[in-house]
Each structure stands twice: as C-alpha cells, then as structure tokens.
C-alpha cells in the first residue's frame, strides 16, 4: 500500500489530506491518470510529484510502501 498526500486545490477536490492506495508497479503518470479519472482532479499535468520526500518524474515507478505527494504550482504576491 501507498500513502498519497494532496496539497492545495487537490486536497480540496479529494476532501482528504491523503489516501491509501495500491500504486505499486505503476508509474507516477499512471497514478496521476487513475486519480484524475476517479476523483475528477484538475490540472494533474502541472502537478509536481515527490516520492519519499524527493521530487520524482512522471516515468518513475512506485514501489510498495512509497509515500507519494502531489504538489500543485504555487503562486503568490
């Protein structure tokens, strides 16, 4: 199992701070696509991803026990 953390508008869209999912063997891109469909998540293509607190690319493979975080771009003034 994997813990998937969500931040900013993604957390609002999911309604939870995190989900427990089985993403082992999937790429980051596959997980993004699955979650976007299941939860109607907006703009997943612009979201940065971290696996175990290190930034990861879309082709990175997720392993059992990995913690994945989806971090939308931040703007400020």
PDB file of N, CA and C in Angstrom:
ATOM      1  N   UNK A   1       0.842  -1.188   0.000  1.00  0.00           N
ATOM      2  CA  UNK A   1       0.000   0.000   0.000  1.00  0.00           C
ATOM      3  C   UNK A   1       0.877   1.237   0.000  1.00  0.00           C
ATOM      4  N   UNK A   2       0.275   2.299  -0.483  1.00  0.00           N
ATOM      5  CA  UNK A   2       0.976   3.575  -0.567  1.00  0.00           C
ATOM      6  C   UNK A   2       0.106   4.678   0.019  1.00  0.00           C
ATOM      7  N   UNK A   3       0.750   5.610   0.672  1.00  0.00           N
ATOM      8  CA  UNK A   3       0.078   6.804   1.168  1.00  0.00           C
ATOM      9  C   UNK A   3       0.286   7.891   0.126  1.00  0.00           C
ATOM     10  N   UNK A   4      -0.821   8.486  -0.333  1.00  0.00           N
ATOM     11  CA  UNK A   4      -0.755   9.543  -1.343  1.00  0.00           C
ATOM     12  C   UNK A   4      -1.248  10.830  -0.702  1.00  0.00           C
ATOM     13  N   UNK A   5      -0.355  11.818  -0.605  1.00  0.00           N
ATOM     14  CA  UNK A   5      -0.664  13.107   0.006  1.00  0.00           C
ATOM     15  C   UNK A   5      -1.082  14.119  -1.057  1.00  0.00           C
ATOM     16  N   UNK A   6      -2.017  14.989  -0.693  1.00  0.00           N
ATOM     17  CA  UNK A   6      -2.505  16.020  -1.606  1.00  0.00           C
ATOM     18  C   UNK A   6      -2.375  17.385  -0.943  1.00  0.00           C
ATOM     19  N   UNK A   7      -2.041  18.390  -1.753  1.00  0.00           N
ATOM     20  CA  UNK A   7      -1.889  19.741  -1.237  1.00  0.00           C
ATOM     21  C   UNK A   7      -2.731  20.722  -2.049  1.00  0.00           C
ATOM     22  N   UNK A   8      -3.046  21.853  -1.431  1.00  0.00           N
ATOM     23  CA  UNK A   8      -3.764  22.973  -2.057  1.00  0.00           C
ATOM     24  C   UNK A   8      -5.092  22.526  -2.675  1.00  0.00           C
ATOM     25  N   UNK A   9      -5.351  22.909  -3.945  1.00  0.00           N
ATOM     26  CA  UNK A   9      -6.654  22.622  -4.561  1.00  0.00           C
ATOM     27  C   UNK A   9      -6.916  21.123  -4.716  1.00  0.00           C
ATOM     28  N   UNK A  10      -5.868  20.321  -4.765  1.00  0.00           N
ATOM     29  CA  UNK A  10      -6.058  18.870  -4.867  1.00  0.00           C
ATOM     30  C   UNK A  10      -6.663  18.317  -3.574  1.00  0.00           C
ATOM     31  N   UNK A  11      -6.201  18.830  -2.448  1.00  0.00           N
ATOM     32  CA  UNK A  11      -6.758  18.413  -1.157  1.00  0.00           C
ATOM     33  C   UNK A  11      -8.238  18.781  -1.087  1.00  0.00           C
ATOM     34  N   UNK A  12      -8.563  19.966  -1.570  1.00  0.00           N
ATOM     35  CA  UNK A  12      -9.966  20.395  -1.596  1.00  0.00           C
ATOM     36  C   UNK A  12     -10.801  19.490  -2.490  1.00  0.00           C
ATOM     37  N   UNK A  13     -10.273  19.126  -3.643  1.00  0.00           N
ATOM     38  CA  UNK A  13     -11.011  18.288  -4.596  1.00  0.00           C
ATOM     39  C   UNK A  13     -11.232  16.873  -4.053  1.00  0.00           C
ATOM     40  N   UNK A  14     -10.240  16.326  -3.363  1.00  0.00           N
ATOM     41  CA  UNK A  14     -10.332  14.980  -2.808  1.00  0.00           C
ATOM     42  C   UNK A  14     -11.191  14.984  -1.539  1.00  0.00           C
ATOM     43  N   UNK A  15     -11.066  16.072  -0.767  1.00  0.00           N
ATOM     44  CA  UNK A  15     -11.779  16.142   0.501  1.00  0.00           C
ATOM     45  C   UNK A  15     -11.038  15.465   1.643  1.00  0.00           C
ATOM     46  N   UNK A  16      -9.808  15.068   1.382  1.00  0.00           N
ATOM     47  CA  UNK A  16      -8.960  14.397   2.382  1.00  0.00           C
ATOM     48  C   UNK A  16      -7.528  14.895   2.226  1.00  0.00           C
ATOM     49  N   UNK A  17      -6.764  14.796   3.295  1.00  0.00           N
ATOM     50  CA  UNK A  17      -5.349  15.164   3.239  1.00  0.00           C
ATOM     51  C   UNK A  17      -4.538  14.098   2.505  1.00  0.00           C
ATOM     52  N   UNK A  18      -4.966  12.842   2.637  1.00  0.00           N
ATOM     53  CA  UNK A  18      -4.264  11.749   1.972  1.00  0.00           C
ATOM     54  C   UNK A  18      -5.216  10.578   1.732  1.00  0.00           C
ATOM     55  N   UNK A  19      -4.786   9.685   0.838  1.00  0.00           N
ATOM     56  CA  UNK A  19      -5.490   8.442   0.558  1.00  0.00           C
ATOM     57  C   UNK A  19      -4.507   7.294   0.703  1.00  0.00           C
ATOM     58  N   UNK A  20      -5.009   6.114   1.013  1.00  0.00           N
ATOM     59  CA  UNK A  20      -4.211   4.888   0.985  1.00  0.00           C
ATOM     60  C   UNK A  20      -4.625   4.139  -0.276  1.00  0.00           C
ATOM     61  N   UNK A  21      -3.686   3.912  -1.177  1.00  0.00           N
ATOM     62  CA  UNK A  21      -3.965   3.210  -2.433  1.00  0.00           C
ATOM     63  C   UNK A  21      -2.859   2.197  -2.704  1.00  0.00           C
ATOM     64  N   UNK A  22      -3.151   1.248  -3.567  1.00  0.00           N
ATOM     65  CA  UNK A  22      -2.132   0.303  -4.003  1.00  0.00           C
ATOM     66  C   UNK A  22      -1.619   0.772  -5.359  1.00  0.00           C
ATOM     67  N   UNK A  23      -0.496   1.471  -5.353  1.00  0.00           N
ATOM     68  CA  UNK A  23       0.076   2.019  -6.580  1.00  0.00           C
ATOM     69  C   UNK A  23       1.375   1.318  -6.963  1.00  0.00           C
ATOM     70  N   UNK A  24       1.723   0.277  -6.251  1.00  0.00           N
ATOM     71  CA  UNK A  24       2.965  -0.441  -6.502  1.00  0.00           C
ATOM     72  C   UNK A  24       3.021  -0.949  -7.939  1.00  0.00           C
ATOM     73  N   UNK A  25       4.132  -0.647  -8.627  1.00  0.00           N
ATOM     74  CA  UNK A  25       4.332  -1.075 -10.009  1.00  0.00           C
ATOM     75  C   UNK A  25       3.857  -0.077 -11.041  1.00  0.00           C
ATOM     76  N   UNK A  26       3.104   0.919 -10.623  1.00  0.00           N
ATOM     77  CA  UNK A  26       2.640   1.956 -11.557  1.00  0.00           C
ATOM     78  C   UNK A  26       3.677   3.058 -11.651  1.00  0.00           C
ATOM     79  N   UNK A  27       3.647   3.778 -12.759  1.00  0.00           N
ATOM     80  CA  UNK A  27       4.463   4.983 -12.863  1.00  0.00           C
ATOM     81  C   UNK A  27       3.689   6.134 -12.234  1.00  0.00           C
ATOM     82  N   UNK A  28       4.393   7.218 -11.969  1.00  0.00           N
ATOM     83  CA  UNK A  28       3.742   8.429 -11.459  1.00  0.00           C
ATOM     84  C   UNK A  28       2.659   8.881 -12.432  1.00  0.00           C
ATOM     85  N   UNK A  29       2.944   8.863 -13.725  1.00  0.00           N
ATOM     86  CA  UNK A  29       1.970   9.287 -14.742  1.00  0.00           C
ATOM     87  C   UNK A  29       0.716   8.416 -14.696  1.00  0.00           C
ATOM     88  N   UNK A  30       0.888   7.110 -14.520  1.00  0.00           N
ATOM     89  CA  UNK A  30      -0.268   6.209 -14.443  1.00  0.00           C
ATOM     90  C   UNK A  30      -1.113   6.500 -13.204  1.00  0.00           C
ATOM     91  N   UNK A  31      -0.455   6.746 -12.074  1.00  0.00           N
ATOM     92  CA  UNK A  31      -1.189   7.070 -10.854  1.00  0.00           C
ATOM     93  C   UNK A  31      -1.936   8.391 -11.009  1.00  0.00           C
ATOM     94  N   UNK A  32      -1.273   9.398 -11.593  1.00  0.00           N
ATOM     95  CA  UNK A  32      -1.940  10.685 -11.833  1.00  0.00           C
ATOM     96  C   UNK A  32      -3.190  10.497 -12.691  1.00  0.00           C
ATOM     97  N   UNK A  33      -3.069   9.718 -13.751  1.00  0.00           N
ATOM     98  CA  UNK A  33      -4.203   9.486 -14.652  1.00  0.00           C
ATOM     99  C   UNK A  33      -5.333   8.762 -13.925  1.00  0.00           C
ATOM    100  N   UNK A  34      -5.002   7.744 -13.148  1.00  0.00           N
ATOM    101  CA  UNK A  34      -6.015   6.998 -12.396  1.00  0.00           C
ATOM    102  C   UNK A  34      -6.764   7.911 -11.427  1.00  0.00           C
ATOM    103  N   UNK A  35      -6.012   8.701 -10.662  1.00  0.00           N
ATOM    104  CA  UNK A  35      -6.642   9.571  -9.675  1.00  0.00           C
ATOM    105  C   UNK A  35      -7.435  10.697 -10.330  1.00  0.00           C
ATOM    106  N   UNK A  36      -6.927  11.219 -11.447  1.00  0.00           N
ATOM    107  CA  UNK A  36      -7.642  12.277 -12.165  1.00  0.00           C
ATOM    108  C   UNK A  36      -9.007  11.789 -12.623  1.00  0.00           C
ATOM    109  N   UNK A  37      -9.063  10.550 -13.120  1.00  0.00           N
ATOM    110  CA  UNK A  37     -10.339   9.969 -13.560  1.00  0.00           C
ATOM    111  C   UNK A  37     -11.257   9.668 -12.381  1.00  0.00           C
ATOM    112  N   UNK A  38     -10.700   9.042 -11.365  1.00  0.00           N
ATOM    113  CA  UNK A  38     -11.513   8.601 -10.235  1.00  0.00           C
ATOM    114  C   UNK A  38     -12.082   9.775  -9.435  1.00  0.00           C
ATOM    115  N   UNK A  39     -11.301  10.858  -9.283  1.00  0.00           N
ATOM    116  CA  UNK A  39     -11.714  11.973  -8.441  1.00  0.00           C
ATOM    117  C   UNK A  39     -11.944  13.270  -9.213  1.00  0.00           C
ATOM    118  N   UNK A  40     -11.916  13.195 -10.544  1.00  0.00           N
ATOM    119  CA  UNK A  40     -12.122  14.375 -11.389  1.00  0.00           C
ATOM    120  C   UNK A  40     -11.177  15.516 -10.990  1.00  0.00           C
ATOM    121  N   UNK A  41      -9.899  15.174 -10.864  1.00  0.00           N
ATOM    122  CA  UNK A  41      -8.901  16.158 -10.434  1.00  0.00           C
ATOM    123  C   UNK A  41      -8.466  17.035 -11.590  1.00  0.00           C
ATOM    124  N   UNK A  42      -8.396  18.336 -11.357  1.00  0.00           N
ATOM    125  CA  UNK A  42      -7.989  19.269 -12.404  1.00  0.00           C
ATOM    126  C   UNK A  42      -6.467  19.404 -12.521  1.00  0.00           C
ATOM    127  N   UNK A  43      -5.995  19.644 -13.715  1.00  0.00           N
ATOM    128  CA  UNK A  43      -4.609  20.060 -13.987  1.00  0.00           C
ATOM    129  C   UNK A  43      -3.533  19.165 -13.389  1.00  0.00           C
ATOM    130  N   UNK A  44      -3.684  17.860 -13.475  1.00  0.00           N
ATOM    131  CA  UNK A  44      -2.671  16.955 -12.936  1.00  0.00           C
ATOM    132  C   UNK A  44      -1.371  17.018 -13.740  1.00  0.00           C
ATOM    133  N   UNK A  45      -1.425  17.506 -14.980  1.00  0.00           N
ATOM    134  CA  UNK A  45      -0.220  17.596 -15.801  1.00  0.00           C
ATOM    135  C   UNK A  45       0.757  18.649 -15.295  1.00  0.00           C
ATOM    136  N   UNK A  46       0.279  19.621 -14.497  1.00  0.00           N
ATOM    137  CA  UNK A  46       1.156  20.669 -13.979  1.00  0.00           C
ATOM    138  C   UNK A  46       1.613  20.405 -12.539  1.00  0.00           C
ATOM    139  N   UNK A  47       1.150  19.299 -11.979  1.00  0.00           N
ATOM    140  CA  UNK A  47       1.437  18.982 -10.579  1.00  0.00           C
ATOM    141  C   UNK A  47       2.816  18.347 -10.440  1.00  0.00           C
ATOM    142  N   UNK A  48       3.584  18.829  -9.465  1.00  0.00           N
ATOM    143  CA  UNK A  48       4.873  18.209  -9.157  1.00  0.00           C
ATOM    144  C   UNK A  48       4.625  17.022  -8.239  1.00  0.00           C
ATOM    145  N   UNK A  49       5.505  16.035  -8.333  1.00  0.00           N
ATOM    146  CA  UNK A  49       5.359  14.821  -7.547  1.00  0.00           C
ATOM    147  C   UNK A  49       6.625  14.562  -6.743  1.00  0.00           C
ATOM    148  N   UNK A  50       6.419  14.119  -5.518  1.00  0.00           N
ATOM    149  CA  UNK A  50       7.538  13.671  -4.696  1.00  0.00           C
ATOM    150  C   UNK A  50       7.253  12.242  -4.239  1.00  0.00           C
ATOM    151  N   UNK A  51       8.284  11.416  -4.279  1.00  0.00           N
ATOM    152  CA  UNK A  51       8.206  10.064  -3.726  1.00  0.00           C
ATOM    153  C   UNK A  51       9.200   9.998  -2.577  1.00  0.00           C
ATOM    154  N   UNK A  52       8.678   9.678  -1.403  1.00  0.00           N
ATOM    155  CA  UNK A  52       9.509   9.618  -0.195  1.00  0.00           C
ATOM    156  C   UNK A  52      10.307  10.909  -0.001  1.00  0.00           C
ATOM    157  N   UNK A  53       9.616  12.024  -0.204  1.00  0.00           N
ATOM    158  CA  UNK A  53      10.138  13.382   0.019  1.00  0.00           C
ATOM    159  C   UNK A  53      11.243  13.804  -0.947  1.00  0.00           C
ATOM    160  N   UNK A  54      11.326  13.136  -2.104  1.00  0.00           N
ATOM    161  CA  UNK A  54      12.255  13.552  -3.151  1.00  0.00           C
ATOM    162  C   UNK A  54      11.485  13.700  -4.446  1.00  0.00           C
ATOM    163  N   UNK A  55      11.717  14.803  -5.159  1.00  0.00           N
ATOM    164  CA  UNK A  55      10.983  15.035  -6.399  1.00  0.00           C
ATOM    165  C   UNK A  55      11.199  13.888  -7.377  1.00  0.00           C
ATOM    166  N   UNK A  56      10.119  13.541  -8.079  1.00  0.00           N
ATOM    167  CA  UNK A  56      10.141  12.399  -8.991  1.00  0.00           C
ATOM    168  C   UNK A  56       9.534  12.792 -10.331  1.00  0.00           C
ATOM    169  N   UNK A  57      10.014  12.160 -11.393  1.00  0.00           N
ATOM    170  CA  UNK A  57       9.483  12.409 -12.729  1.00  0.00           C
ATOM    171  C   UNK A  57       8.267  11.518 -12.980  1.00  0.00           C
ATOM    172  N   UNK A  58       7.552  11.820 -14.059  1.00  0.00           N
ATOM    173  CA  UNK A  58       6.340  11.068 -14.395  1.00  0.00           C
ATOM    174  C   UNK A  58       6.620   9.610 -14.755  1.00  0.00           C
ATOM    175  N   UNK A  59       7.858   9.290 -15.147  1.00  0.00           N
ATOM    176  CA  UNK A  59       8.155   7.906 -15.521  1.00  0.00           C
ATOM    177  C   UNK A  59       8.751   7.084 -14.373  1.00  0.00           C
ATOM    178  N   UNK A  60       8.854   7.697 -13.200  1.00  0.00           N
ATOM    179  CA  UNK A  60       9.360   6.983 -12.021  1.00  0.00           C
ATOM    180  C   UNK A  60       8.354   5.909 -11.600  1.00  0.00           C
ATOM    181  N   UNK A  61       8.854   4.710 -11.280  1.00  0.00           N
ATOM    182  CA  UNK A  61       7.996   3.598 -10.857  1.00  0.00           C
ATOM    183  C   UNK A  61       7.832   3.638  -9.337  1.00  0.00           C
ATOM    184  N   UNK A  62       6.595   3.450  -8.903  1.00  0.00           N
ATOM    185  CA  UNK A  62       6.246   3.477  -7.481  1.00  0.00           C
ATOM    186  C   UNK A  62       6.396   2.068  -6.906  1.00  0.00           C
ATOM    187  N   UNK A  63       6.964   2.005  -5.705  1.00  0.00           N
ATOM    188  CA  UNK A  63       7.162   0.719  -5.027  1.00  0.00           C
ATOM    189  C   UNK A  63       6.261   0.628  -3.802  1.00  0.00           C
ATOM    190  N   UNK A  64       5.997  -0.596  -3.368  1.00  0.00           N
ATOM    191  CA  UNK A  64       5.171  -0.809  -2.188  1.00  0.00           C
ATOM    192  C   UNK A  64       5.775  -0.066  -0.996  1.00  0.00           C
ATOM    193  N   UNK A  65       4.936   0.666  -0.278  1.00  0.00           N
ATOM    194  CA  UNK A  65       5.384   1.408   0.892  1.00  0.00           C
ATOM    195  C   UNK A  65       5.842   2.826   0.606  1.00  0.00           C
ATOM    196  N   UNK A  66       6.006   3.183  -0.670  1.00  0.00           N
ATOM    197  CA  UNK A  66       6.395   4.552  -1.003  1.00  0.00           C
ATOM    198  C   UNK A  66       5.297   5.532  -0.605  1.00  0.00           C
ATOM    199  N   UNK A  67       5.714   6.720  -0.184  1.00  0.00           N
ATOM    200  CA  UNK A  67       4.781   7.813   0.097  1.00  0.00           C
ATOM    201  C   UNK A  67       4.880   8.805  -1.059  1.00  0.00           C
ATOM    202  N   UNK A  68       3.745   9.078  -1.681  1.00  0.00           N
ATOM    203  CA  UNK A  68       3.696   9.948  -2.845  1.00  0.00           C
ATOM    204  C   UNK A  68       3.000  11.235  -2.469  1.00  0.00           C
ATOM    205  N   UNK A  69       3.543  12.365  -2.869  1.00  0.00           N
ATOM    206  CA  UNK A  69       2.923  13.660  -2.613  1.00  0.00           C
ATOM    207  C   UNK A  69       2.723  14.384  -3.934  1.00  0.00           C
ATOM    208  N   UNK A  70       1.530  14.932  -4.120  1.00  0.00           N
ATOM    209  CA  UNK A  70       1.216  15.735  -5.303  1.00  0.00           C
ATOM    210  C   UNK A  70       1.125  17.199  -4.871  1.00  0.00           C
ATOM    211  N   UNK A  71       1.970  18.028  -5.503  1.00  0.00           N
ATOM    212  CA  UNK A  71       2.134  19.419  -5.102  1.00  0.00           C
ATOM    213  C   UNK A  71       1.852  20.326  -6.285  1.00  0.00           C
ATOM    214  N   UNK A  72       0.720  21.021  -6.270  1.00  0.00           N
ATOM    215  CA  UNK A  72       0.399  21.930  -7.382  1.00  0.00           C
ATOM    216  C   UNK A  72       1.342  23.135  -7.383  1.00  0.00           C
ATOM    217  N   UNK A  73       1.453  23.801  -8.554  1.00  0.00           N
ATOM    218  CA  UNK A  73       2.251  25.016  -8.599  1.00  0.00           C
ATOM    219  C   UNK A  73       1.682  26.061  -7.637  1.00  0.00           C
ATOM    220  N   UNK A  74       2.565  26.854  -7.069  1.00  0.00           N
ATOM    221  CA  UNK A  74       2.154  27.862  -6.098  1.00  0.00           C
ATOM    222  C   UNK A  74       2.355  29.242  -6.705  1.00  0.00           C
ATOM    223  N   UNK A  75       1.372  30.094  -6.484  1.00  0.00           N
ATOM    224  CA  UNK A  75       1.533  31.495  -6.906  1.00  0.00           C
ATOM    225  C   UNK A  75       1.314  32.369  -5.699  1.00  0.00           C
ATOM    226  N   UNK A  76       1.857  33.528  -5.747  1.00  0.00           N
ATOM    227  CA  UNK A  76       1.713  34.435  -4.619  1.00  0.00           C
ATOM    228  C   UNK A  76       1.979  35.860  -5.038  1.00  0.00           C
ATOM    229  N   UNK A  77       1.856  36.729  -4.118  1.00  0.00           N
ATOM    230  CA  UNK A  77       2.054  38.119  -4.457  1.00  0.00           C
ATOM    231  C   UNK A  77       2.805  38.851  -3.405  1.00  0.00           C
TER     232      UNK A  77
END
